[in-house]
């Protein structure tokens, strides 16, 4: 997954109504970095979770 694909996946996931509170809290730093907050390197387990959510959340 390229950085651009990761960015696009986060954009789709961020406001998805089916995102659990646990996942929303886990991804909060990534969402903050995407929306002008401090940028940080995402751990591999977070990237894996983003990939999983992107693949499994229903499309609007």
PDB file of N, CA and C in Angstrom:
ATOM      1  N   UNK A   1       0.856  -1.172   0.000  1.00  0.00           N
ATOM      2  CA  UNK A   1       0.000   0.000   0.000  1.00  0.00           C
ATOM      3  C   UNK A   1       0.899   1.231   0.000  1.00  0.00           C
ATOM      4  N   UNK A   2       0.703   2.085  -0.961  1.00  0.00           N
ATOM      5  CA  UNK A   2       1.492   3.321  -1.026  1.00  0.00           C
ATOM      6  C   UNK A   2       0.966   4.328  -0.005  1.00  0.00           C
ATOM      7  N   UNK A   3       1.729   5.384   0.205  1.00  0.00           N
ATOM      8  CA  UNK A   3       1.280   6.429   1.124  1.00  0.00           C
ATOM      9  C   UNK A   3      -0.047   7.032   0.661  1.00  0.00           C
ATOM     10  N   UNK A   4      -0.167   7.233  -0.657  1.00  0.00           N
ATOM     11  CA  UNK A   4      -1.408   7.805  -1.181  1.00  0.00           C
ATOM     12  C   UNK A   4      -2.588   6.870  -0.937  1.00  0.00           C
ATOM     13  N   UNK A   5      -2.405   5.569  -1.157  1.00  0.00           N
ATOM     14  CA  UNK A   5      -3.477   4.596  -0.913  1.00  0.00           C
ATOM     15  C   UNK A   5      -3.849   4.570   0.564  1.00  0.00           C
ATOM     16  N   UNK A   6      -2.859   4.669   1.422  1.00  0.00           N
ATOM     17  CA  UNK A   6      -3.110   4.697   2.863  1.00  0.00           C
ATOM     18  C   UNK A   6      -3.918   5.943   3.229  1.00  0.00           C
ATOM     19  N   UNK A   7      -3.547   7.087   2.668  1.00  0.00           N
ATOM     20  CA  UNK A   7      -4.253   8.349   2.899  1.00  0.00           C
ATOM     21  C   UNK A   7      -5.713   8.225   2.463  1.00  0.00           C
ATOM     22  N   UNK A   8      -5.945   7.690   1.276  1.00  0.00           N
ATOM     23  CA  UNK A   8      -7.296   7.522   0.749  1.00  0.00           C
ATOM     24  C   UNK A   8      -8.106   6.550   1.597  1.00  0.00           C
ATOM     25  N   UNK A   9      -7.481   5.478   2.048  1.00  0.00           N
ATOM     26  CA  UNK A   9      -8.160   4.513   2.912  1.00  0.00           C
ATOM     27  C   UNK A   9      -8.588   5.184   4.218  1.00  0.00           C
ATOM     28  N   UNK A  10      -7.694   5.966   4.807  1.00  0.00           N
ATOM     29  CA  UNK A  10      -8.031   6.677   6.048  1.00  0.00           C
ATOM     30  C   UNK A  10      -9.180   7.654   5.831  1.00  0.00           C
ATOM     31  N   UNK A  11      -9.173   8.335   4.685  1.00  0.00           N
ATOM     32  CA  UNK A  11     -10.268   9.277   4.387  1.00  0.00           C
ATOM     33  C   UNK A  11     -11.609   8.551   4.325  1.00  0.00           C
ATOM     34  N   UNK A  12     -11.624   7.369   3.716  1.00  0.00           N
ATOM     35  CA  UNK A  12     -12.876   6.613   3.611  1.00  0.00           C
ATOM     36  C   UNK A  12     -13.311   6.055   4.961  1.00  0.00           C
ATOM     37  N   UNK A  13     -12.338   5.637   5.764  1.00  0.00           N
ATOM     38  CA  UNK A  13     -12.635   5.019   7.057  1.00  0.00           C
ATOM     39  C   UNK A  13     -13.061   6.053   8.094  1.00  0.00           C
ATOM     40  N   UNK A  14     -12.476   7.240   8.056  1.00  0.00           N
ATOM     41  CA  UNK A  14     -12.635   8.235   9.124  1.00  0.00           C
ATOM     42  C   UNK A  14     -14.093   8.501   9.509  1.00  0.00           C
ATOM     43  N   UNK A  15     -14.959   8.685   8.566  1.00  0.00           N
ATOM     44  CA  UNK A  15     -16.337   9.058   8.883  1.00  0.00           C
ATOM     45  C   UNK A  15     -17.329   7.924   8.674  1.00  0.00           C
ATOM     46  N   UNK A  16     -16.810   6.709   8.569  1.00  0.00           N
ATOM     47  CA  UNK A  16     -17.706   5.578   8.332  1.00  0.00           C
ATOM     48  C   UNK A  16     -18.517   5.300   9.588  1.00  0.00           C
ATOM     49  N   UNK A  17     -19.807   5.201   9.417  1.00  0.00           N
ATOM     50  CA  UNK A  17     -20.708   5.038  10.572  1.00  0.00           C
ATOM     51  C   UNK A  17     -20.545   3.691  11.271  1.00  0.00           C
ATOM     52  N   UNK A  18     -20.008   2.678  10.586  1.00  0.00           N
ATOM     53  CA  UNK A  18     -19.861   1.351  11.184  1.00  0.00           C
ATOM     54  C   UNK A  18     -18.518   1.147  11.884  1.00  0.00           C
ATOM     55  N   UNK A  19     -17.698   2.174  11.944  1.00  0.00           N
ATOM     56  CA  UNK A  19     -16.398   2.049  12.606  1.00  0.00           C
ATOM     57  C   UNK A  19     -16.611   1.972  14.113  1.00  0.00           C
ATOM     58  N   UNK A  20     -16.057   0.941  14.720  1.00  0.00           N
ATOM     59  CA  UNK A  20     -16.251   0.749  16.163  1.00  0.00           C
ATOM     60  C   UNK A  20     -15.501   1.823  16.952  1.00  0.00           C
ATOM     61  N   UNK A  21     -15.927   2.018  18.182  1.00  0.00           N
ATOM     62  CA  UNK A  21     -15.235   2.974  19.057  1.00  0.00           C
ATOM     63  C   UNK A  21     -13.782   2.560  19.287  1.00  0.00           C
ATOM     64  N   UNK A  22     -13.550   1.262  19.396  1.00  0.00           N
ATOM     65  CA  UNK A  22     -12.181   0.769  19.606  1.00  0.00           C
ATOM     66  C   UNK A  22     -11.303   1.138  18.413  1.00  0.00           C
ATOM     67  N   UNK A  23     -11.799   0.881  17.201  1.00  0.00           N
ATOM     68  CA  UNK A  23     -11.018   1.220  16.010  1.00  0.00           C
ATOM     69  C   UNK A  23     -10.866   2.731  15.865  1.00  0.00           C
ATOM     70  N   UNK A  24     -11.913   3.470  16.153  1.00  0.00           N
ATOM     71  CA  UNK A  24     -11.841   4.932  16.051  1.00  0.00           C
ATOM     72  C   UNK A  24     -10.763   5.474  16.997  1.00  0.00           C
ATOM     73  N   UNK A  25     -10.697   4.949  18.215  1.00  0.00           N
ATOM     74  CA  UNK A  25      -9.681   5.402  19.172  1.00  0.00           C
ATOM     75  C   UNK A  25      -8.282   4.943  18.767  1.00  0.00           C
ATOM     76  N   UNK A  26      -8.178   3.736  18.215  1.00  0.00           N
ATOM     77  CA  UNK A  26      -6.895   3.219  17.764  1.00  0.00           C
ATOM     78  C   UNK A  26      -6.333   4.077  16.633  1.00  0.00           C
ATOM     79  N   UNK A  27      -7.211   4.538  15.754  1.00  0.00           N
ATOM     80  CA  UNK A  27      -6.788   5.305  14.588  1.00  0.00           C
ATOM     81  C   UNK A  27      -6.800   6.822  14.814  1.00  0.00           C
ATOM     82  N   UNK A  28      -7.173   7.261  15.993  1.00  0.00           N
ATOM     83  CA  UNK A  28      -7.262   8.690  16.278  1.00  0.00           C
ATOM     84  C   UNK A  28      -5.987   9.468  15.927  1.00  0.00           C
ATOM     85  N   UNK A  29      -4.779   8.972  16.276  1.00  0.00           N
ATOM     86  CA  UNK A  29      -3.570   9.720  15.892  1.00  0.00           C
ATOM     87  C   UNK A  29      -3.398   9.826  14.370  1.00  0.00           C
ATOM     88  N   UNK A  30      -3.775   8.779  13.645  1.00  0.00           N
ATOM     89  CA  UNK A  30      -3.676   8.825  12.181  1.00  0.00           C
ATOM     90  C   UNK A  30      -4.663   9.838  11.622  1.00  0.00           C
ATOM     91  N   UNK A  31      -5.881   9.861  12.159  1.00  0.00           N
ATOM     92  CA  UNK A  31      -6.873  10.835  11.706  1.00  0.00           C
ATOM     93  C   UNK A  31      -6.399  12.255  12.007  1.00  0.00           C
ATOM     94  N   UNK A  32      -5.810  12.456  13.191  1.00  0.00           N
ATOM     95  CA  UNK A  32      -5.325  13.787  13.567  1.00  0.00           C
ATOM     96  C   UNK A  32      -4.209  14.236  12.621  1.00  0.00           C
ATOM     97  N   UNK A  33      -3.281  13.340  12.309  1.00  0.00           N
ATOM     98  CA  UNK A  33      -2.201  13.676  11.393  1.00  0.00           C
ATOM     99  C   UNK A  33      -2.711  14.003  10.000  1.00  0.00           C
ATOM    100  N   UNK A  34      -3.761  13.338   9.595  1.00  0.00           N
ATOM    101  CA  UNK A  34      -4.350  13.565   8.288  1.00  0.00           C
ATOM    102  C   UNK A  34      -5.061  14.915   8.223  1.00  0.00           C
ATOM    103  N   UNK A  35      -5.534  15.387   9.356  1.00  0.00           N
ATOM    104  CA  UNK A  35      -6.311  16.627   9.405  1.00  0.00           C
ATOM    105  C   UNK A  35      -5.517  17.801   9.951  1.00  0.00           C
ATOM    106  N   UNK A  36      -4.210  17.797   9.735  1.00  0.00           N
ATOM    107  CA  UNK A  36      -3.399  18.947  10.103  1.00  0.00           C
ATOM    108  C   UNK A  36      -2.702  18.849  11.436  1.00  0.00           C
ATOM    109  N   UNK A  37      -2.856  17.738  12.129  1.00  0.00           N
ATOM    110  CA  UNK A  37      -2.156  17.564  13.403  1.00  0.00           C
ATOM    111  C   UNK A  37      -0.713  17.161  13.156  1.00  0.00           C
ATOM    112  N   UNK A  38      -0.035  16.817  14.205  1.00  0.00           N
ATOM    113  CA  UNK A  38       1.368  16.422  14.092  1.00  0.00           C
ATOM    114  C   UNK A  38       1.476  15.103  13.336  1.00  0.00           C
ATOM    115  N   UNK A  39       2.331  15.062  12.328  1.00  0.00           N
ATOM    116  CA  UNK A  39       2.556  13.840  11.557  1.00  0.00           C
ATOM    117  C   UNK A  39       3.437  12.893  12.353  1.00  0.00           C
ATOM    118  N   UNK A  40       3.179  11.610  12.201  1.00  0.00           N
ATOM    119  CA  UNK A  40       3.980  10.608  12.887  1.00  0.00           C
ATOM    120  C   UNK A  40       4.025   9.350  12.036  1.00  0.00           C
ATOM    121  N   UNK A  41       5.011   8.530  12.263  1.00  0.00           N
ATOM    122  CA  UNK A  41       5.102   7.253  11.569  1.00  0.00           C
ATOM    123  C   UNK A  41       4.089   6.312  12.201  1.00  0.00           C
ATOM    124  N   UNK A  42       3.317   5.645  11.357  1.00  0.00           N
ATOM    125  CA  UNK A  42       2.323   4.702  11.864  1.00  0.00           C
ATOM    126  C   UNK A  42       2.964   3.332  12.052  1.00  0.00           C
ATOM    127  N   UNK A  43       2.742   2.719  13.203  1.00  0.00           N
ATOM    128  CA  UNK A  43       3.268   1.363  13.414  1.00  0.00           C
ATOM    129  C   UNK A  43       2.645   0.385  12.411  1.00  0.00           C
ATOM    130  N   UNK A  44       3.373  -0.684  12.126  1.00  0.00           N
ATOM    131  CA  UNK A  44       2.904  -1.677  11.164  1.00  0.00           C
ATOM    132  C   UNK A  44       1.539  -2.260  11.542  1.00  0.00           C
ATOM    133  N   UNK A  45       1.281  -2.439  12.834  1.00  0.00           N
ATOM    134  CA  UNK A  45      -0.012  -3.021  13.243  1.00  0.00           C
ATOM    135  C   UNK A  45      -1.166  -2.059  12.938  1.00  0.00           C
ATOM    136  N   UNK A  46      -0.911  -0.753  12.976  1.00  0.00           N
ATOM    137  CA  UNK A  46      -1.949   0.229  12.631  1.00  0.00           C
ATOM    138  C   UNK A  46      -2.200   0.216  11.126  1.00  0.00           C
ATOM    139  N   UNK A  47      -1.132   0.133  10.358  1.00  0.00           N
ATOM    140  CA  UNK A  47      -1.286   0.048   8.901  1.00  0.00           C
ATOM    141  C   UNK A  47      -2.050  -1.220   8.527  1.00  0.00           C
ATOM    142  N   UNK A  48      -1.747  -2.315   9.211  1.00  0.00           N
ATOM    143  CA  UNK A  48      -2.468  -3.566   8.948  1.00  0.00           C
ATOM    144  C   UNK A  48      -3.948  -3.417   9.284  1.00  0.00           C
ATOM    145  N   UNK A  49      -4.248  -2.711  10.353  1.00  0.00           N
ATOM    146  CA  UNK A  49      -5.654  -2.507  10.730  1.00  0.00           C
ATOM    147  C   UNK A  49      -6.366  -1.630   9.701  1.00  0.00           C
ATOM    148  N   UNK A  50      -5.690  -0.606   9.209  1.00  0.00           N
ATOM    149  CA  UNK A  50      -6.269   0.250   8.171  1.00  0.00           C
ATOM    150  C   UNK A  50      -6.575  -0.582   6.929  1.00  0.00           C
ATOM    151  N   UNK A  51      -5.637  -1.428   6.530  1.00  0.00           N
ATOM    152  CA  UNK A  51      -5.852  -2.301   5.363  1.00  0.00           C
ATOM    153  C   UNK A  51      -7.059  -3.207   5.583  1.00  0.00           C
ATOM    154  N   UNK A  52      -7.133  -3.797   6.770  1.00  0.00           N
ATOM    155  CA  UNK A  52      -8.247  -4.692   7.084  1.00  0.00           C
ATOM    156  C   UNK A  52      -9.583  -3.944   7.019  1.00  0.00           C
ATOM    157  N   UNK A  53      -9.647  -2.798   7.662  1.00  0.00           N
ATOM    158  CA  UNK A  53     -10.894  -2.025   7.669  1.00  0.00           C
ATOM    159  C   UNK A  53     -11.291  -1.584   6.266  1.00  0.00           C
ATOM    160  N   UNK A  54     -10.313  -1.164   5.494  1.00  0.00           N
ATOM    161  CA  UNK A  54     -10.592  -0.738   4.124  1.00  0.00           C
ATOM    162  C   UNK A  54     -11.207  -1.888   3.326  1.00  0.00           C
ATOM    163  N   UNK A  55     -10.717  -3.088   3.581  1.00  0.00           N
ATOM    164  CA  UNK A  55     -11.202  -4.250   2.827  1.00  0.00           C
ATOM    165  C   UNK A  55     -12.556  -4.765   3.316  1.00  0.00           C
ATOM    166  N   UNK A  56     -12.893  -4.513   4.578  1.00  0.00           N
ATOM    167  CA  UNK A  56     -14.094  -5.136   5.141  1.00  0.00           C
ATOM    168  C   UNK A  56     -15.266  -4.205   5.406  1.00  0.00           C
ATOM    169  N   UNK A  57     -15.022  -2.897   5.536  1.00  0.00           N
ATOM    170  CA  UNK A  57     -16.153  -1.998   5.788  1.00  0.00           C
ATOM    171  C   UNK A  57     -17.032  -1.889   4.539  1.00  0.00           C
ATOM    172  N   UNK A  58     -18.330  -1.925   4.734  1.00  0.00           N
ATOM    173  CA  UNK A  58     -19.220  -1.792   3.572  1.00  0.00           C
ATOM    174  C   UNK A  58     -19.037  -0.430   2.897  1.00  0.00           C
ATOM    175  N   UNK A  59     -19.181  -0.431   1.596  1.00  0.00           N
ATOM    176  CA  UNK A  59     -19.094   0.823   0.837  1.00  0.00           C
ATOM    177  C   UNK A  59     -20.411   1.574   0.968  1.00  0.00           C
ATOM    178  N   UNK A  60     -20.316   2.894   1.018  1.00  0.00           N
ATOM    179  CA  UNK A  60     -21.531   3.708   1.088  1.00  0.00           C
ATOM    180  C   UNK A  60     -22.213   3.769  -0.243  1.00  0.00           C
TER     181      UNK A  60
END
